[in-house]
């Protein structure tokens, strides 16, 4: 599959109702975990670490599409630069 096709698939996924539902759910879960951290100052370190990990994981999921988009755009730029370099070497 070409890099351009993968980028188009990411665009489609970002607009898909399923992805929008996942994003909304994860935002609610991140807020819920943050509220649990704030509401109980006497919780154990393990519980605090668990909730911080849940927040981190939720944020990573929410940020995955922009990260993948940047990676694919960079790959396209590298491919274009290689093609230009190859053409310059020929002439």
Protein backbone atom coordinates (compact mmCIF):
# COMPACT_ATOMS: atom_id res chain seq x y z
CA UNK A 1 0.00 0.00 0.00
CA UNK A 2 1.36 3.41 -0.91
CA UNK A 3 2.04 6.12 1.63
CA UNK A 4 -0.51 8.37 -0.06
CA UNK A 5 -3.15 5.64 0.25
CA UNK A 6 -2.37 5.18 3.93
CA UNK A 7 -2.74 8.92 4.44
CA UNK A 8 -6.12 8.82 2.70
CA UNK A 9 -7.19 5.93 4.93
CA UNK A 10 -6.25 7.96 8.01
CA UNK A 11 -8.37 10.84 6.72
CA UNK A 12 -11.30 8.47 6.24
CA UNK A 13 -10.83 6.98 9.70
CA UNK A 14 -10.74 10.39 11.34
CA UNK A 15 -14.19 11.18 9.88
CA UNK A 16 -15.68 7.75 10.64
CA UNK A 17 -18.46 7.63 13.23
CA UNK A 18 -16.74 4.75 14.99
CA UNK A 19 -13.55 6.75 15.50
CA UNK A 20 -15.55 9.77 16.69
CA UNK A 21 -17.29 7.52 19.23
CA UNK A 22 -13.95 6.11 20.42
CA UNK A 23 -12.55 9.64 20.81
CA UNK A 24 -15.55 10.83 22.79
CA UNK A 25 -15.41 7.76 25.03
CA UNK A 26 -11.67 8.12 25.66
CA UNK A 27 -12.03 11.82 26.49
CA UNK A 28 -14.67 10.91 29.07
CA UNK A 29 -12.43 8.18 30.50
CA UNK A 30 -9.44 10.52 30.74
CA UNK A 31 -11.54 13.11 32.54
CA UNK A 32 -12.96 10.44 34.85
CA UNK A 33 -9.50 9.17 35.77
CA UNK A 34 -8.29 12.73 36.38
CA UNK A 35 -11.28 13.43 38.61
CA UNK A 36 -10.57 10.28 40.62
CA UNK A 37 -7.03 11.50 41.15
CA UNK A 38 -8.28 14.88 42.31
CA UNK A 39 -11.13 13.59 44.48
CA UNK A 40 -9.15 11.22 46.67
CA UNK A 41 -5.90 12.69 48.01
CA UNK A 42 -5.42 9.73 50.41
CA UNK A 43 -5.33 6.96 47.82
CA UNK A 44 -2.45 4.54 47.65
CA UNK A 45 0.51 5.07 45.38
CA UNK A 46 -0.49 2.04 43.31
CA UNK A 47 -3.94 3.46 42.62
CA UNK A 48 -2.46 6.84 41.76
CA UNK A 49 0.02 5.23 39.37
CA UNK A 50 -2.75 3.16 37.78
CA UNK A 51 -4.92 6.21 37.18
CA UNK A 52 -1.99 8.20 35.82
CA UNK A 53 -1.26 5.31 33.47
CA UNK A 54 -4.89 5.24 32.34
CA UNK A 55 -4.74 8.97 31.60
CA UNK A 56 -1.47 8.54 29.68
CA UNK A 57 -2.83 5.63 27.64
CA UNK A 58 -6.01 7.52 26.82
CA UNK A 59 -4.06 10.54 25.64
CA UNK A 60 -1.81 8.33 23.50
CA UNK A 61 -4.85 6.83 21.80
CA UNK A 62 -6.37 10.27 21.21
CA UNK A 63 -3.10 11.50 19.68
CA UNK A 64 -2.42 8.48 17.46
CA UNK A 65 -3.95 9.80 14.24
CA UNK A 66 -2.08 13.12 14.25
CA UNK A 67 1.16 11.27 15.02
CA UNK A 68 0.60 8.79 12.21
CA UNK A 69 -0.33 11.60 9.83
CA UNK A 70 2.93 13.44 10.55
CA UNK A 71 4.92 10.23 10.09
CA UNK A 72 3.28 9.52 6.72
CA UNK A 73 3.68 13.12 5.55
CA UNK A 74 7.36 12.94 6.43
CA UNK A 75 7.71 9.69 4.49
CA UNK A 76 6.14 11.37 1.46
CA UNK A 77 8.58 14.29 1.76
CA UNK A 78 11.52 11.89 1.94
CA UNK A 79 10.26 9.99 -1.10
CA UNK A 80 9.90 13.23 -3.07
CA UNK A 81 13.36 14.38 -2.02
CA UNK A 82 14.86 11.04 -3.10
CA UNK A 83 13.12 11.28 -6.47
CA UNK A 84 14.41 14.83 -7.00
CA UNK A 85 17.91 13.75 -5.99
CA UNK A 86 17.79 10.82 -8.40
CA UNK A 87 16.65 13.11 -11.21
CA UNK A 88 19.41 15.59 -10.41
CA UNK A 89 21.98 12.80 -10.52
CA UNK A 90 20.77 11.73 -13.96
CA UNK A 91 21.07 15.19 -15.51
